[in-house]
Amino acid sequence: MARILVADPLAEDGLERLRRAGEVTVASRLGEAELIERIPDFDALVVRSETRVTAPVIDAGSRLRVVGRAGVGVDNIDVAAATRRGILVVNAPRGNIVAAAEHTIALLFALARWLPQADASVKRGEWTRAKFVGTEIRGKTLGVVGLGNVGSEVAKRAHGLEMDVIAYDPVVSVERAELFNVSLVTLAELLERADFVTVHVPLVESNRNLIGAAELARMKPTSRLINTARGGIVDEDALAAALESGTLAAAAADVFAVEPPGDNALLKLPNFIATPHIAASTTEAQVSVAFDVAEEVAAVLAGDLPRFAVNAPALPAEELAYLRPFADLTERLAALHAQLFETRPSAIELDFEGELAEHDVSLLIAAAIKGVLQPFTEERINAVNAKLIASNRGIRLVERRSRAHSSYASLLTVRMQEHEISGTVLNGELRALRIDSFRVDLVPHGRFLVSRHEDRPGIVGRVGSILGEHDVNIASMQVGRDAPRGNAMMILAVDDRVATGLLERLREVDGMADLRYVELGNHSDS
């Protein structure tokens, strides 16, 4: 019988489910040394946020097959160490979705009717009703930034309140949005139209300060902002300035860039409501995450694949050695595609040519999904959960295999909508070889400006001059064209980030059809 160590307090429903899967030992508040001493006897370890599952703990777990986290975040678990040892890490990302959605609605009501401020006023002995004139929610427009698990639940509840709901999510298909009776719009349009804006995206680098001074300036002075996602998505200094100047009516946050927030300017403002990161803190949510993680652990112990694996199962060393660079290539080509064309994919199509077509490409399919979707979800995407996550986003997967049609032993093509990017691995180096009809020779790593423009004199020089004026250094340049005086593509590798204002100026160059700024960072293991 499998032995399971529960190292943090867990709701009884979860414990009962674990008891059906094996022999359960509960031992809370173990230090690292104690955990190292006890873990060799167990097949599974279940924790919440208190216990740290370090590399020494994992290395000591000679029988360990799975580590379960009752909740979403796995910051307290050394996932890389677990992956190296072939130990699955599972979590419970759906158990607190309803709690987070309901807390968002609670803050929406609080903002509309000044509930915390009115409560504090009465308790001070005041009775100043005129100070707390609110606004009705019915008939107002709610803008949902991020239509994932929590955002879609918020949208459903808002419809029950007779609100109009619009959403910004660049990777959710129109078909999925229609399931929630939500209209997809650009972020700029959402900010300009919405009476209430609620944020539900993960804190990844591309979303840091997603709502900054420029975005807040687009909002109506009567509108209200809610953030129950992650601190750092909303620029807190810019928000404080907007609230203080009256360019924004009110805001509420359950999360802060630094927690506890300490001496934060927002906390001094009468039109700001704060809660201490409690969106997921309900009795029901705690029970739900306990049972969900128990189900995941039980699945692994029974030899089945879990639904919510944080890391991928180990592949045979020889197969992994061959596939890993192609997985890295696939993720980067997919990320390049997503940033270049900003398509809302209803399908991700992958063509595998030559030797690559003879291998198990599930890792590459997961890498493509990760390249497109990872910036828009907190779930770590890997070979176990990638297809489920794509399905939940309404994205079809199309896989094609063929013999080599080119001079390359293996060729990979990522296609979404009408655009495609091809590449290969040459002597261990990742190379993008074609973007639509343009031949390129690009190592997909770093910062790039990619332009499509008319093939005529002056455009390339003008772009270089503008970049020089803004002290942006060009590392390399490629120019291709489909015909003389026809359409051209230029790829500039740059050493420095390109600001939004500079991009807008470059796009105004005469003859410029399109210009995109792309960042392709270090690959992280799937």
Protein backbone atom coordinates (compact mmCIF):
# COMPACT_ATOMS: atom_id res chain seq x y z
CA MET A 1 0.00 0.00 0.00
CA ALA A 2 1.21 3.49 -0.87
CA ARG A 3 2.24 5.71 2.03
CA ILE A 4 1.23 9.40 2.00
CA LEU A 5 2.66 12.12 4.24
CA VAL A 6 0.46 15.19 4.79
CA ALA A 7 2.78 17.89 6.12
CA ASP A 8 0.30 20.80 6.46
CA PRO A 9 -3.26 21.05 7.81
CA LEU A 10 -5.70 19.69 5.24
CA ALA A 11 -9.50 19.65 5.19
CA GLU A 12 -11.05 16.34 6.21
CA ASP A 13 -12.58 15.74 2.77
CA GLY A 14 -9.08 15.69 1.31
CA LEU A 15 -7.76 13.41 4.03
CA GLU A 16 -10.61 10.98 3.51
CA ARG A 17 -9.92 10.81 -0.23
CA LEU A 18 -6.22 10.19 0.45
CA ARG A 19 -7.06 7.38 2.87
CA ARG A 20 -8.77 5.56 0.01
CA ALA A 21 -5.52 5.79 -1.95
CA GLY A 22 -3.08 4.70 0.72
CA GLU A 23 -1.90 4.88 4.32
CA VAL A 24 -1.98 8.52 5.47
CA THR A 25 0.29 10.09 8.08
CA VAL A 26 -0.38 13.67 9.20
CA ALA A 27 2.62 15.49 10.66
CA SER A 28 2.38 19.28 10.48
CA ARG A 29 5.04 21.93 10.99
CA LEU A 30 8.02 19.75 10.19
CA GLY A 31 11.30 21.58 9.67
CA GLU A 32 13.54 20.69 6.75
CA ALA A 33 15.72 18.37 8.82
CA GLU A 34 12.70 16.51 10.20
CA LEU A 35 11.14 16.24 6.76
CA ILE A 36 14.40 14.87 5.30
CA GLU A 37 14.48 12.27 8.04
CA ARG A 38 10.88 11.11 7.50
CA ILE A 39 10.36 11.42 3.72
CA PRO A 40 12.27 8.25 2.65
CA ASP A 41 9.36 6.12 3.90
CA PHE A 42 6.68 7.82 1.75
CA ASP A 43 5.44 7.57 -1.83
CA ALA A 44 3.57 10.89 -1.77
CA LEU A 45 3.88 14.23 0.02
CA VAL A 46 1.00 16.72 0.36
CA VAL A 47 1.57 20.31 1.50
CA ARG A 48 -0.09 23.70 1.45
CA SER A 49 1.97 26.91 1.57
CA GLU A 50 3.68 26.50 4.95
CA THR A 51 6.01 23.55 4.32
CA ARG A 52 8.98 24.11 2.02
CA VAL A 53 9.77 21.14 -0.20
CA THR A 54 13.42 21.84 -0.98
CA ALA A 55 15.86 19.97 -3.20
CA PRO A 56 17.41 18.14 -0.19
CA VAL A 57 13.92 16.97 0.84
CA ILE A 58 13.20 15.74 -2.69
CA ASP A 59 16.59 14.03 -2.96
CA ALA A 60 15.91 12.24 0.32
CA GLY A 61 12.56 10.93 -0.97
CA SER A 62 13.86 7.67 -2.41
CA ARG A 63 10.29 6.32 -2.77
CA LEU A 64 8.66 9.64 -3.61
CA ARG A 65 6.51 9.62 -6.74
CA VAL A 66 4.38 12.74 -6.34
CA VAL A 67 4.26 16.03 -4.41
CA GLY A 68 0.81 17.60 -4.11
CA ARG A 69 0.15 21.27 -3.36
CA ALA A 70 -3.31 22.07 -1.99
CA GLY A 71 -3.68 25.35 -3.86
CA VAL A 72 -2.34 27.05 -6.99
CA GLY A 73 1.13 28.43 -6.30
CA VAL A 74 4.12 26.09 -6.03
CA ASP A 75 6.73 28.63 -4.93
CA ASN A 76 7.42 26.52 -1.85
CA ILE A 77 8.30 23.45 -3.95
CA ASP A 78 11.55 23.00 -5.87
CA VAL A 79 9.86 21.92 -9.10
CA ALA A 80 13.12 21.66 -11.03
CA ALA A 81 14.55 19.24 -8.45
CA ALA A 82 11.38 17.17 -8.59
CA THR A 83 11.49 17.08 -12.39
CA ARG A 84 15.11 15.93 -12.38
CA ARG A 85 14.12 13.06 -10.08
CA GLY A 86 11.09 12.14 -12.22
CA ILE A 87 8.72 13.14 -9.41
CA LEU A 88 5.41 14.68 -10.48
CA VAL A 89 4.29 17.91 -8.84
CA VAL A 90 0.52 18.42 -8.90
CA ASN A 91 -1.66 21.25 -7.64
CA ALA A 92 -5.32 22.28 -7.37
CA PRO A 93 -5.75 25.34 -9.59
CA ARG A 94 -9.55 25.21 -9.85
CA GLY A 95 -10.59 24.80 -6.24
CA ASN A 96 -10.66 28.50 -5.39
CA ILE A 97 -12.04 29.88 -8.67
CA VAL A 98 -15.55 30.52 -7.32
CA ALA A 99 -14.18 32.11 -4.15
CA ALA A 100 -12.02 34.51 -6.16
CA ALA A 101 -14.90 35.37 -8.51
CA GLU A 102 -17.28 36.04 -5.62
CA HIS A 103 -14.72 38.23 -3.88
CA THR A 104 -14.40 40.25 -7.08
CA ILE A 105 -18.17 40.78 -7.14
CA ALA A 106 -18.08 41.72 -3.45
CA LEU A 107 -15.51 44.42 -4.18
CA LEU A 108 -17.58 45.59 -7.14
CA PHE A 109 -20.56 46.18 -4.81
CA ALA A 110 -18.30 47.78 -2.20
CA LEU A 111 -16.96 50.23 -4.79
CA ALA A 112 -20.41 51.03 -6.18
CA ARG A 113 -21.91 51.80 -2.77
CA TRP A 114 -18.88 52.89 -0.65
CA LEU A 115 -19.65 50.14 1.86
CA PRO A 116 -16.39 50.08 3.87
CA GLN A 117 -16.28 53.88 4.07
CA ALA A 118 -19.91 54.09 5.19
CA ASP A 119 -19.38 51.36 7.81
CA ALA A 120 -16.34 53.17 9.22
CA SER A 121 -18.24 56.45 9.28
CA VAL A 122 -21.15 55.05 11.29
CA LYS A 123 -18.78 53.42 13.75
CA ARG A 124 -17.16 56.82 14.30
CA GLY A 125 -20.57 58.09 15.41
CA GLU A 126 -21.36 59.93 12.18
CA TRP A 127 -24.57 59.84 10.15
CA THR A 128 -23.61 61.62 6.92
CA ARG A 129 -25.71 59.92 4.28
CA ALA A 130 -24.97 62.49 1.57
CA LYS A 131 -21.28 61.56 1.57
CA PHE A 132 -22.01 58.02 0.35
CA VAL A 133 -24.19 58.44 -2.72
CA GLY A 134 -23.39 55.40 -4.85
CA THR A 135 -24.02 54.16 -8.35
CA GLU A 136 -26.21 51.31 -9.55
CA ILE A 137 -24.61 48.26 -11.15
CA ARG A 138 -27.54 47.32 -13.37
CA GLY A 139 -27.04 48.48 -16.96
CA LYS A 140 -23.37 49.31 -16.44
CA THR A 141 -20.54 47.85 -18.54
CA LEU A 142 -18.04 45.52 -16.91
CA GLY A 143 -14.67 45.13 -18.61
CA VAL A 144 -12.95 41.83 -17.79
CA VAL A 145 -9.20 41.80 -18.47
CA GLY A 146 -8.40 38.09 -18.85
CA LEU A 147 -11.21 35.65 -19.63
CA GLY A 148 -9.63 32.62 -17.99
CA ASN A 149 -10.93 30.54 -15.12
CA VAL A 150 -11.76 33.37 -12.71
CA GLY A 151 -12.55 36.00 -15.35
CA SER A 152 -15.17 33.80 -17.02
CA GLU A 153 -16.83 33.10 -13.65
CA VAL A 154 -16.95 36.84 -12.92
CA ALA A 155 -18.54 37.40 -16.34
CA LYS A 156 -21.28 34.85 -15.62
CA ARG A 157 -22.14 36.52 -12.32
CA ALA A 158 -22.12 39.97 -13.87
CA HIS A 159 -24.76 38.90 -16.38
CA GLY A 160 -26.93 37.90 -13.43
CA LEU A 161 -26.59 41.47 -12.19
CA GLU A 162 -27.86 42.73 -15.57
CA MET A 163 -24.49 44.17 -16.57
CA ASP A 164 -23.12 44.33 -20.11
CA VAL A 165 -19.82 42.42 -20.24
CA ILE A 166 -16.88 43.00 -22.57
CA ALA A 167 -13.47 41.34 -22.28
CA TYR A 168 -9.87 41.62 -23.41
CA ASP A 169 -7.98 38.35 -23.81
CA PRO A 170 -5.77 37.97 -26.90
CA VAL A 171 -5.65 34.17 -26.75
CA VAL A 172 -9.29 33.31 -26.08
CA SER A 173 -11.23 32.32 -29.20
CA VAL A 174 -14.37 34.17 -30.22
CA GLU A 175 -16.30 30.91 -29.90
CA ARG A 176 -15.29 30.47 -26.26
CA ALA A 177 -16.14 34.10 -25.44
CA GLU A 178 -19.58 33.58 -26.96
CA LEU A 179 -20.19 30.76 -24.48
CA PHE A 180 -20.14 33.42 -21.76
CA ASN A 181 -22.07 35.97 -23.84
CA VAL A 182 -19.03 38.23 -23.82
CA SER A 183 -17.82 40.54 -26.57
CA LEU A 184 -14.06 40.52 -27.17
CA VAL A 185 -12.48 43.95 -27.64
CA THR A 186 -9.03 45.51 -27.53
CA LEU A 187 -7.63 46.62 -24.19
CA ALA A 188 -7.90 50.26 -25.25
CA GLU A 189 -11.58 49.89 -26.19
CA LEU A 190 -12.33 48.04 -22.94
CA LEU A 191 -10.79 50.79 -20.82
CA GLU A 192 -12.63 53.51 -22.70
CA ARG A 193 -16.06 51.82 -22.55
CA ALA A 194 -16.19 50.09 -19.17
CA ASP A 195 -17.77 51.54 -16.04
CA PHE A 196 -16.05 48.85 -13.96
CA VAL A 197 -12.78 47.13 -14.92
CA THR A 198 -11.66 43.90 -13.25
CA VAL A 199 -8.24 42.29 -13.76
CA HIS A 200 -7.76 38.50 -14.02
CA VAL A 201 -4.42 37.82 -15.72
CA PRO A 202 -1.26 36.21 -14.31
CA LEU A 203 1.76 38.25 -13.27
CA VAL A 204 4.21 37.43 -16.03
CA GLU A 205 6.71 39.95 -17.36
CA SER A 206 4.51 40.93 -20.29
CA ASN A 207 1.68 41.79 -17.87
CA ARG A 208 3.73 43.78 -15.37
CA ASN A 209 2.16 47.25 -15.09
CA LEU A 210 -0.32 46.20 -17.77
CA ILE A 211 -2.58 48.92 -16.34
CA GLY A 212 -0.31 51.94 -16.05
CA ALA A 213 -0.68 55.70 -16.31
CA ALA A 214 -1.51 55.66 -20.04
CA GLU A 215 -4.14 52.97 -19.60
CA LEU A 216 -5.71 54.67 -16.56
CA ALA A 217 -5.93 57.89 -18.56
CA ARG A 218 -8.16 56.10 -21.09
CA MET A 219 -10.74 55.24 -18.43
CA LYS A 220 -13.78 57.40 -17.74
CA PRO A 221 -13.51 59.60 -14.62
CA THR A 222 -16.60 57.80 -13.26
CA SER A 223 -15.15 54.31 -13.72
CA ARG A 224 -13.86 51.96 -11.02
CA LEU A 225 -11.00 49.42 -11.09
CA ILE A 226 -10.72 46.06 -9.26
CA ASN A 227 -7.62 43.84 -8.97
CA THR A 228 -7.94 40.43 -7.31
CA ALA A 229 -5.33 38.78 -9.58
CA ARG A 230 -1.73 39.65 -8.64
CA GLY A 231 0.08 42.71 -7.35
CA GLY A 232 2.23 44.34 -10.01
CA ILE A 233 -0.29 44.07 -12.83
CA VAL A 234 -1.63 47.52 -11.93
CA ASP A 235 0.97 50.28 -11.50
CA GLU A 236 0.22 51.31 -7.91
CA ASP A 237 1.87 54.74 -8.13
CA ALA A 238 -0.08 55.58 -11.27
CA LEU A 239 -3.29 54.31 -9.68
CA ALA A 240 -2.75 56.46 -6.58
CA ALA A 241 -2.18 59.52 -8.76
CA ALA A 242 -5.34 58.84 -10.79
CA LEU A 243 -7.46 58.36 -7.67
CA GLU A 244 -6.05 61.45 -5.99
CA SER A 245 -6.55 63.67 -9.06
CA GLY A 246 -10.08 62.42 -9.67
CA THR A 247 -9.37 61.03 -13.14
CA LEU A 248 -10.62 57.70 -11.73
CA ALA A 249 -13.55 57.46 -9.34
CA ALA A 250 -12.45 54.55 -7.14
CA ALA A 251 -10.45 51.32 -7.01
CA ALA A 252 -10.17 48.17 -4.92
CA ALA A 253 -7.38 45.62 -4.57
CA ASP A 254 -6.95 42.32 -2.81
CA VAL A 255 -3.32 42.08 -3.94
CA PHE A 256 -0.27 44.34 -3.85
CA ALA A 257 3.19 44.41 -5.39
CA VAL A 258 4.61 44.08 -1.87
CA GLU A 259 2.62 42.20 0.74
CA PRO A 260 1.88 43.37 3.38
CA PRO A 261 1.75 46.71 1.52
CA GLY A 262 3.23 48.77 4.38
CA ASP A 263 3.41 52.52 3.77
CA ASN A 264 1.53 52.45 0.48
CA ALA A 265 0.06 55.71 -0.83
CA LEU A 266 -3.11 53.90 -1.90
CA LEU A 267 -4.00 53.07 1.70
CA LYS A 268 -4.28 56.77 2.56
CA LEU A 269 -6.93 57.47 -0.09
CA PRO A 270 -10.64 57.58 0.80
CA ASN A 271 -11.69 56.20 -2.61
CA PHE A 272 -9.55 53.07 -2.37
CA ILE A 273 -10.67 49.78 -0.78
CA ALA A 274 -8.16 47.13 0.31
CA THR A 275 -8.44 43.51 1.48
CA PRO A 276 -5.50 41.36 2.66
CA HIS A 277 -5.20 38.82 -0.21
CA ILE A 278 -8.28 36.88 0.89
CA ALA A 279 -10.04 36.27 -2.43
CA ALA A 280 -9.47 32.52 -2.14
CA SER A 281 -10.05 32.35 1.61
CA THR A 282 -13.40 30.63 2.09
CA THR A 283 -14.24 27.46 3.97
CA GLU A 284 -15.55 25.90 0.78
CA ALA A 285 -12.44 26.78 -1.21
CA GLN A 286 -10.19 25.18 1.39
CA VAL A 287 -12.26 22.01 1.23
CA SER A 288 -12.27 22.08 -2.55
CA VAL A 289 -8.50 22.46 -2.99
CA ALA A 290 -7.90 19.72 -0.40
CA PHE A 291 -10.15 17.27 -2.24
CA ASP A 292 -8.81 18.27 -5.67
CA VAL A 293 -5.17 17.76 -4.73
CA ALA A 294 -6.06 14.45 -3.10
CA GLU A 295 -7.63 13.35 -6.38
CA GLU A 296 -4.47 14.32 -8.25
CA VAL A 297 -2.20 12.45 -5.83
CA ALA A 298 -4.45 9.39 -5.94
CA ALA A 299 -4.35 9.40 -9.76
CA VAL A 300 -0.55 9.37 -9.80
CA LEU A 301 -0.36 6.60 -7.19
CA ALA A 302 -2.80 4.55 -9.28
CA GLY A 303 -0.58 4.93 -12.35
CA ASP A 304 -2.87 7.38 -14.14
CA LEU A 305 -2.04 10.82 -15.56
CA PRO A 306 -3.21 13.71 -13.37
CA ARG A 307 -5.16 16.67 -14.79
CA PHE A 308 -3.08 19.38 -13.16
CA ALA A 309 0.58 18.40 -13.30
CA VAL A 310 2.98 21.29 -12.80
CA ASN A 311 5.91 19.49 -14.40
CA ALA A 312 6.15 16.94 -17.19
CA PRO A 313 6.80 13.23 -16.69
CA ALA A 314 10.35 12.14 -17.45
CA LEU A 315 11.17 10.95 -20.97
CA PRO A 316 13.84 8.37 -21.83
CA ALA A 317 17.18 10.17 -21.74
CA GLU A 318 18.04 9.53 -25.42
CA GLU A 319 14.62 10.68 -26.66
CA LEU A 320 14.68 13.75 -24.41
CA ALA A 321 18.16 14.72 -25.63
CA TYR A 322 16.91 14.74 -29.22
CA LEU A 323 13.54 16.42 -28.58
CA ARG A 324 14.54 19.08 -26.06
CA PRO A 325 16.08 21.57 -28.56
CA PHE A 326 13.11 21.08 -30.89
CA ALA A 327 10.73 21.73 -28.00
CA ASP A 328 12.68 24.89 -27.24
CA LEU A 329 12.46 25.87 -30.92
CA THR A 330 8.72 25.14 -31.06
CA GLU A 331 7.99 27.28 -28.00
CA ARG A 332 9.98 30.19 -29.38
CA LEU A 333 8.50 30.02 -32.87
CA ALA A 334 5.01 29.92 -31.35
CA ALA A 335 5.82 32.88 -29.10
CA LEU A 336 7.29 34.75 -32.09
CA HIS A 337 4.12 34.03 -34.08
CA ALA A 338 1.87 35.21 -31.25
CA GLN A 339 3.78 38.48 -30.85
CA LEU A 340 4.21 39.18 -34.56
CA PHE A 341 0.68 38.59 -35.74
CA GLU A 342 -1.37 38.97 -32.54
CA THR A 343 -3.89 36.50 -33.92
CA ARG A 344 -6.69 35.10 -31.80
CA PRO A 345 -6.02 31.44 -32.55
CA SER A 346 -8.90 29.07 -33.03
CA ALA A 347 -6.35 26.41 -34.01
CA ILE A 348 -2.62 25.76 -33.67
CA GLU A 349 -1.30 23.75 -36.61
CA LEU A 350 2.08 22.02 -36.47
CA ASP A 351 3.85 20.41 -39.42
CA PHE A 352 6.68 17.98 -38.64
CA GLU A 353 8.89 17.09 -41.61
CA GLY A 354 11.75 14.61 -41.95
CA GLU A 355 13.37 12.84 -39.01
CA LEU A 356 11.32 14.81 -36.51
CA ALA A 357 8.13 13.24 -37.83
CA GLU A 358 9.34 9.82 -36.67
CA HIS A 359 9.38 10.80 -32.97
CA ASP A 360 6.78 11.25 -30.22
CA VAL A 361 6.06 14.97 -30.62
CA SER A 362 3.76 15.44 -27.61
CA LEU A 363 6.45 17.50 -25.91
CA LEU A 364 6.59 19.79 -28.96
CA ILE A 365 2.82 20.19 -29.09
CA ALA A 366 2.90 21.22 -25.43
CA ALA A 367 5.73 23.65 -26.18
CA ALA A 368 3.70 25.31 -28.96
CA ILE A 369 0.70 25.71 -26.66
CA LYS A 370 3.00 27.10 -23.98
CA GLY A 371 4.56 29.61 -26.37
CA VAL A 372 1.14 30.97 -27.30
CA LEU A 373 -0.74 30.76 -24.00
CA GLN A 374 1.75 30.92 -21.11
CA PRO A 375 1.73 34.75 -20.84
CA PHE A 376 -2.04 34.60 -20.26
CA THR A 377 -2.41 31.86 -17.64
CA GLU A 378 -1.02 31.09 -14.20
CA GLU A 379 -1.13 27.36 -14.90
CA ARG A 380 2.27 25.97 -15.80
CA ILE A 381 1.82 24.40 -19.19
CA ASN A 382 3.56 21.09 -19.88
CA ALA A 383 3.15 17.84 -21.80
CA VAL A 384 0.59 16.57 -19.27
CA ASN A 385 -1.85 19.48 -19.17
CA ALA A 386 -1.23 21.41 -22.40
CA LYS A 387 -4.00 19.87 -24.48
CA LEU A 388 -6.53 20.33 -21.68
CA ILE A 389 -5.60 24.00 -21.32
CA ALA A 390 -5.83 24.55 -25.08
CA SER A 391 -9.22 22.82 -25.14
CA ASN A 392 -10.46 25.02 -22.31
CA ARG A 393 -9.47 28.05 -24.41
CA GLY A 394 -11.39 26.73 -27.42
CA ILE A 395 -8.22 26.03 -29.42
CA ARG A 396 -8.00 23.04 -31.79
CA LEU A 397 -4.69 21.26 -32.36
CA VAL A 398 -3.74 20.04 -35.83
CA GLU A 399 -0.67 17.81 -36.27
CA ARG A 400 0.78 16.80 -39.64
CA ARG A 401 3.77 14.55 -40.37
CA SER A 402 5.58 14.12 -43.67
CA ARG A 403 8.85 13.08 -45.23
CA ALA A 404 11.50 15.75 -45.74
CA HIS A 405 10.58 18.22 -48.49
CA SER A 406 13.63 20.44 -48.10
CA SER A 407 17.39 20.23 -47.64
CA TYR A 408 16.95 20.07 -43.87
CA ALA A 409 16.88 16.73 -42.04
CA SER A 410 14.02 18.05 -39.90
CA LEU A 411 11.74 21.03 -40.39
CA LEU A 412 9.05 22.39 -38.07
CA THR A 413 6.26 24.78 -39.10
CA VAL A 414 3.91 26.60 -36.71
CA ARG A 415 0.75 27.91 -38.38
CA MET A 416 -2.09 29.96 -36.90
CA GLN A 417 -4.79 31.63 -38.94
CA GLU A 418 -3.22 32.57 -42.30
CA HIS A 419 0.36 33.03 -41.02
CA GLU A 420 3.17 30.51 -40.57
CA ILE A 421 6.76 30.37 -39.29
CA SER A 422 9.22 27.54 -40.01
CA GLY A 423 12.49 26.58 -38.36
CA THR A 424 14.93 23.84 -37.51
CA VAL A 425 17.85 22.95 -35.23
CA LEU A 426 21.27 23.18 -36.90
CA ASN A 427 24.26 21.84 -34.95
CA GLY A 428 22.37 22.42 -31.72
CA GLU A 429 21.42 26.01 -32.60
CA LEU A 430 17.78 27.10 -32.98
CA ARG A 431 16.98 28.79 -36.29
CA ALA A 432 13.87 30.42 -37.72
CA LEU A 433 14.04 29.99 -41.51
CA ARG A 434 10.84 31.41 -42.92
CA ILE A 435 8.14 33.88 -41.88
CA ASP A 436 5.22 33.57 -44.29
CA SER A 437 6.77 34.01 -47.76
CA PHE A 438 9.95 35.68 -46.50
CA ARG A 439 13.14 33.66 -46.07
CA VAL A 440 15.03 34.55 -42.87
CA ASP A 441 17.95 33.21 -40.86
CA LEU A 442 17.16 34.15 -37.28
CA VAL A 443 18.28 32.79 -33.92
CA PRO A 444 15.00 33.25 -31.98
CA HIS A 445 16.39 34.78 -28.81
CA GLY A 446 16.52 38.37 -27.64
CA ARG A 447 14.78 41.59 -28.70
CA PHE A 448 13.67 42.29 -32.25
CA LEU A 449 11.89 44.86 -34.35
CA VAL A 450 10.12 43.19 -37.27
CA SER A 451 8.74 45.41 -40.00
CA ARG A 452 6.75 44.82 -43.15
CA HIS A 453 7.08 47.72 -45.56
CA GLU A 454 7.31 48.79 -49.18
CA ASP A 455 10.58 47.84 -50.87
CA ARG A 456 11.83 51.29 -51.79
CA PRO A 457 14.78 53.51 -50.81
CA GLY A 458 14.84 55.45 -47.57
CA ILE A 459 12.69 53.34 -45.25
CA VAL A 460 15.49 51.27 -43.72
CA GLY A 461 17.67 54.32 -43.25
CA ARG A 462 14.87 56.32 -41.65
CA VAL A 463 14.18 53.51 -39.14
CA GLY A 464 17.89 53.35 -38.25
CA SER A 465 18.07 57.11 -37.78
CA ILE A 466 15.07 57.19 -35.43
CA LEU A 467 16.48 54.35 -33.34
CA GLY A 468 19.81 56.17 -33.13
CA GLU A 469 18.08 59.34 -31.95
CA HIS A 470 16.57 57.30 -29.09
CA ASP A 471 19.88 55.55 -28.22
CA VAL A 472 18.59 52.10 -29.22
CA ASN A 473 21.53 50.05 -30.49
CA ILE A 474 21.07 47.75 -33.49
CA ALA A 475 22.90 44.44 -33.07
CA SER A 476 22.12 42.96 -36.51
CA MET A 477 19.81 43.45 -39.47
CA GLN A 478 18.17 41.23 -42.07
CA VAL A 479 16.11 42.44 -45.01
CA GLY A 480 14.11 40.24 -47.37
CA ARG A 481 11.61 40.94 -50.11
CA ASP A 482 9.15 39.02 -52.25
CA ALA A 483 10.01 41.00 -55.42
CA PRO A 484 11.96 44.16 -56.39
CA ARG A 485 9.92 47.21 -55.37
CA GLY A 486 7.37 44.85 -53.85
CA ASN A 487 6.85 43.95 -50.20
CA ALA A 488 9.79 43.71 -47.80
CA MET A 489 10.44 42.41 -44.31
CA MET A 490 13.18 43.73 -42.03
CA ILE A 491 14.31 42.12 -38.80
CA LEU A 492 16.44 44.23 -36.48
CA ALA A 493 18.01 42.65 -33.41
CA VAL A 494 18.29 45.41 -30.80
CA ASP A 495 20.14 45.57 -27.50
CA ASP A 496 17.59 47.72 -25.71
CA ARG A 497 13.87 47.63 -24.97
CA VAL A 498 11.77 49.67 -27.39
CA ALA A 499 9.25 51.92 -25.66
CA THR A 500 5.65 52.24 -26.86
CA GLY A 501 6.11 55.88 -27.90
CA LEU A 502 9.13 55.01 -30.04
CA LEU A 503 7.19 52.18 -31.69
CA GLU A 504 4.42 54.57 -32.61
CA ARG A 505 6.91 56.97 -34.19
CA LEU A 506 8.51 54.15 -36.22
CA ARG A 507 5.11 53.02 -37.45
CA GLU A 508 4.55 56.50 -38.87
CA VAL A 509 7.52 56.19 -41.25
CA ASP A 510 6.23 56.66 -44.80
CA GLY A 511 5.84 53.27 -46.51
CA MET A 512 5.66 51.28 -43.26
CA ALA A 513 2.86 48.70 -43.40
CA ASP A 514 3.39 47.08 -39.99
CA LEU A 515 5.98 47.09 -37.22
CA ARG A 516 6.17 44.77 -34.20
CA TYR A 517 8.46 44.62 -31.17
CA VAL A 518 9.21 41.08 -30.08
CA GLU A 519 10.95 39.71 -26.98
CA LEU A 520 12.00 36.06 -26.87
CA GLY A 521 13.50 35.19 -23.49
CA ASN A 522 15.28 32.19 -22.11
CA HIS A 523 13.43 28.93 -22.57
CA SER A 524 12.01 27.40 -19.40
CA ASP A 525 11.53 23.67 -19.12
CA SER A 526 8.08 22.44 -19.96
